[in-house]
Amino acid sequence: MRKLKLLLLLGGLFAAAMVAAPAYAQQNIAVVDIQRIMRDSNATKSITAQIEKQRNAYQQEITKQENDLRNAEQELNKQRTIISPEAFAERRRAFEQRVGNLQRDVQNRKRELDKSFSVASGIVEKELNAIVGALVEERKLTLVLARSQTLYYNPQMEVTDEVMKRLNGKLPSVTVPPTAATPAAPAKPAGR
């Protein structure tokens, strides 16, 4: 009798599972490679190019200031033997202050470039989410998974190319907001 009850219970569970299986099988699931889109979309490439251009311009400016500081340090070292120790110490402190100012300026510029990149990337992400949302509505999707979070999936579930095409059409480029970092003051020779 016990075995019969157990078999009936298992049979009932199996039947319930079979009834539920078609509902599960009808779920529409898609997979999107977000990392690829955020790396290869036209908008992201335009952001990267603009940030690199700003970074290169800043680097040229910083390199010039570093050269000016090296020259100022050489001049200061030449003056060490011909000026009083107090005057040298004062000029040395002024020089070190200039070095500190340049280091802070470099850090501020890096932070501002990172902020500009984040703002511009946020525009791409917002549009990407809107496109995926539209795709969910159009295809009656019940679940969209990030490819990086998916162990295995049927390649027919992949919608990355469609999303990329729509994103490139809707957002071919993004203008990177200007940085708030002000250009560094030109370096002045020590002691003048």
Protein backbone atom coordinates (compact mmCIF):
# COMPACT_ATOMS: atom_id res chain seq x y z
CA MET A 1 0.00 0.00 0.00
CA ARG A 2 2.83 2.38 0.84
CA LYS A 3 4.53 1.69 -2.47
CA LEU A 4 1.30 2.40 -4.31
CA LYS A 5 0.86 5.74 -2.53
CA LEU A 6 4.46 6.65 -3.30
CA LEU A 7 4.02 5.70 -6.96
CA LEU A 8 0.79 7.71 -7.18
CA LEU A 9 2.51 10.70 -5.57
CA LEU A 10 5.47 10.47 -7.93
CA GLY A 11 3.13 9.99 -10.89
CA GLY A 12 1.18 13.08 -9.87
CA LEU A 13 4.36 15.13 -9.57
CA PHE A 14 5.53 13.88 -12.96
CA ALA A 15 2.19 14.79 -14.55
CA ALA A 16 2.31 18.25 -12.97
CA ALA A 17 5.82 18.71 -14.28
CA MET A 18 4.71 17.70 -17.78
CA VAL A 19 1.87 20.20 -17.70
CA ALA A 20 4.23 22.95 -16.52
CA ALA A 21 6.96 22.05 -19.05
CA PRO A 22 5.20 23.50 -22.10
CA ALA A 23 4.74 26.83 -20.30
CA TYR A 24 8.45 26.90 -19.52
CA ALA A 25 9.37 25.84 -23.06
CA GLN A 26 7.36 28.77 -24.44
CA GLN A 27 9.46 31.36 -22.63
CA ASN A 28 11.26 33.72 -24.99
CA ILE A 29 14.81 34.30 -23.83
CA ALA A 30 17.52 36.35 -25.48
CA VAL A 31 21.23 36.80 -24.82
CA VAL A 32 23.14 40.06 -25.35
CA ASP A 33 26.91 40.53 -25.25
CA ILE A 34 26.92 43.88 -23.43
CA GLN A 35 30.71 43.98 -23.15
CA ARG A 36 31.13 43.62 -26.90
CA ILE A 37 28.57 46.33 -27.58
CA MET A 38 30.18 48.70 -25.07
CA ARG A 39 33.57 48.00 -26.64
CA ASP A 40 32.75 47.92 -30.36
CA SER A 41 29.80 50.26 -30.92
CA ASN A 42 30.38 53.36 -33.03
CA ALA A 43 29.35 55.58 -30.12
CA THR A 44 31.89 54.00 -27.76
CA LYS A 45 34.62 54.23 -30.39
CA SER A 46 33.85 57.94 -30.82
CA ILE A 47 34.07 58.44 -27.04
CA THR A 48 37.40 56.62 -26.88
CA ALA A 49 38.84 58.69 -29.73
CA GLN A 50 37.77 61.97 -28.10
CA ILE A 51 39.15 60.98 -24.70
CA GLU A 52 42.46 59.94 -26.29
CA LYS A 53 42.68 63.25 -28.12
CA GLN A 54 42.14 65.17 -24.87
CA ARG A 55 44.57 62.92 -23.02
CA ASN A 56 47.26 63.46 -25.68
CA ALA A 57 46.77 67.24 -25.56
CA TYR A 58 47.06 67.18 -21.76
CA GLN A 59 50.12 64.95 -21.96
CA GLN A 60 51.88 67.37 -24.30
CA GLU A 61 51.12 70.22 -21.94
CA ILE A 62 52.29 68.24 -18.92
CA THR A 63 55.49 67.15 -20.70
CA LYS A 64 56.31 70.79 -21.43
CA GLN A 65 55.76 71.72 -17.79
CA GLU A 66 57.87 68.77 -16.63
CA ASN A 67 60.70 69.92 -18.92
CA ASP A 68 60.38 73.45 -17.51
CA LEU A 69 60.60 72.01 -14.00
CA ARG A 70 63.70 69.96 -14.88
CA ASN A 71 65.37 73.08 -16.25
CA ALA A 72 64.34 75.04 -13.15
CA GLU A 73 65.78 72.32 -10.91
CA GLN A 74 69.09 72.36 -12.82
CA GLU A 75 69.24 76.14 -12.49
CA LEU A 76 68.44 75.90 -8.78
CA ASN A 77 71.22 73.33 -8.27
CA LYS A 78 73.69 75.64 -10.05
CA GLN A 79 72.70 78.47 -7.70
CA ARG A 80 73.19 76.33 -4.59
CA THR A 81 76.85 77.29 -4.18
CA ILE A 82 76.44 80.99 -4.99
CA ILE A 83 73.43 81.92 -2.82
CA SER A 84 72.91 81.77 0.92
CA PRO A 85 71.52 78.55 2.43
CA GLU A 86 68.37 80.46 3.50
CA ALA A 87 67.78 81.80 -0.01
CA PHE A 88 68.39 78.33 -1.47
CA ALA A 89 65.96 76.74 1.00
CA GLU A 90 63.32 79.34 0.10
CA ARG A 91 63.80 78.75 -3.63
CA ARG A 92 63.78 74.99 -3.05
CA ARG A 93 60.43 75.23 -1.21
CA ALA A 94 59.00 77.31 -4.06
CA PHE A 95 60.24 74.73 -6.57
CA GLU A 96 58.75 71.84 -4.58
CA GLN A 97 55.45 73.72 -4.41
CA ARG A 98 55.45 73.99 -8.20
CA VAL A 99 56.13 70.24 -8.45
CA GLY A 100 53.24 69.53 -6.05
CA ASN A 101 50.94 71.83 -8.03
CA LEU A 102 51.77 70.00 -11.24
CA GLN A 103 51.14 66.61 -9.60
CA ARG A 104 47.73 67.79 -8.33
CA ASP A 105 46.93 69.15 -11.77
CA VAL A 106 47.77 65.81 -13.38
CA GLN A 107 45.55 63.97 -10.87
CA ASN A 108 42.69 66.45 -11.41
CA ARG A 109 42.92 66.09 -15.17
CA LYS A 110 42.87 62.30 -14.94
CA ARG A 111 39.84 62.45 -12.65
CA GLU A 112 38.07 64.86 -15.02
CA LEU A 113 38.80 62.66 -18.06
CA ASP A 114 37.46 59.64 -16.18
CA LYS A 115 34.35 61.61 -15.25
CA SER A 116 33.80 62.74 -18.85
CA PHE A 117 34.23 59.15 -20.05
CA SER A 118 31.70 57.93 -17.47
CA VAL A 119 29.13 60.56 -18.44
CA ALA A 120 29.49 59.77 -22.16
CA SER A 121 29.40 56.01 -21.52
CA GLY A 122 26.25 56.52 -19.46
CA ILE A 123 24.57 58.00 -22.54
CA VAL A 124 25.45 54.85 -24.50
CA GLU A 125 24.22 52.59 -21.69
CA LYS A 126 20.93 54.47 -21.45
CA GLU A 127 20.31 54.12 -25.19
CA LEU A 128 21.38 50.47 -25.06
CA ASN A 129 18.83 49.79 -22.32
CA ALA A 130 16.11 51.53 -24.35
CA ILE A 131 16.94 49.42 -27.41
CA VAL A 132 16.88 46.19 -25.39
CA GLY A 133 13.56 47.30 -23.85
CA ALA A 134 12.11 47.87 -27.32
CA LEU A 135 13.35 44.45 -28.41
CA VAL A 136 11.66 42.88 -25.37
CA GLU A 137 8.35 44.46 -26.41
CA GLU A 138 8.67 43.60 -30.10
CA ARG A 139 9.66 39.97 -29.60
CA LYS A 140 7.63 39.41 -26.43
CA LEU A 141 10.78 38.36 -24.58
CA THR A 142 10.39 37.25 -20.99
CA LEU A 143 14.08 37.27 -20.13
CA VAL A 144 17.23 38.92 -21.49
CA LEU A 145 20.55 37.65 -20.18
CA ALA A 146 24.00 39.18 -20.36
CA ARG A 147 26.29 36.83 -22.26
CA SER A 148 29.00 37.21 -19.61
CA GLN A 149 26.59 35.78 -17.03
CA THR A 150 25.48 32.83 -19.18
CA LEU A 151 27.30 29.50 -19.10
CA TYR A 152 25.62 27.98 -22.13
CA TYR A 153 22.91 29.06 -24.53
CA ASN A 154 21.59 28.25 -27.97
CA PRO A 155 23.25 30.66 -30.47
CA GLN A 156 19.78 31.37 -31.90
CA MET A 157 19.03 33.21 -28.65
CA GLU A 158 21.80 35.76 -29.32
CA VAL A 159 20.53 39.22 -30.28
CA THR A 160 23.82 41.13 -29.93
CA ASP A 161 24.19 41.90 -33.64
CA GLU A 162 20.62 43.24 -33.82
CA VAL A 163 21.15 45.41 -30.74
CA MET A 164 24.52 46.66 -32.08
CA LYS A 165 22.95 47.52 -35.45
CA ARG A 166 20.16 49.48 -33.78
CA LEU A 167 22.54 51.27 -31.42
CA ASN A 168 24.90 52.26 -34.25
CA GLY A 169 21.93 53.56 -36.24
CA LYS A 170 20.42 55.50 -33.36
CA LEU A 171 23.61 56.72 -31.69
CA PRO A 172 26.48 56.84 -34.19
CA SER A 173 28.58 59.02 -31.90
CA VAL A 174 28.53 60.74 -28.52
CA THR A 175 30.10 64.08 -27.76
CA VAL A 176 32.28 63.83 -24.68
CA PRO A 177 31.53 66.66 -22.27
CA PRO A 178 34.42 69.08 -21.77
CA THR A 179 36.52 68.57 -18.70
CA ALA A 180 36.33 71.04 -15.84
CA ALA A 181 40.06 70.87 -15.17
CA THR A 182 41.65 74.17 -15.90
CA PRO A 183 44.95 74.26 -17.73
CA ALA A 184 47.93 74.41 -15.44
CA ALA A 185 49.68 77.71 -15.04
CA PRO A 186 52.90 77.87 -17.03
CA ALA A 187 55.92 76.93 -15.00
CA LYS A 188 58.09 79.86 -13.93
CA PRO A 189 61.81 79.50 -13.37
CA ALA A 190 62.75 79.33 -9.71
CA GLY A 191 64.02 82.50 -8.09
CA ARG A 192 62.71 84.98 -10.62
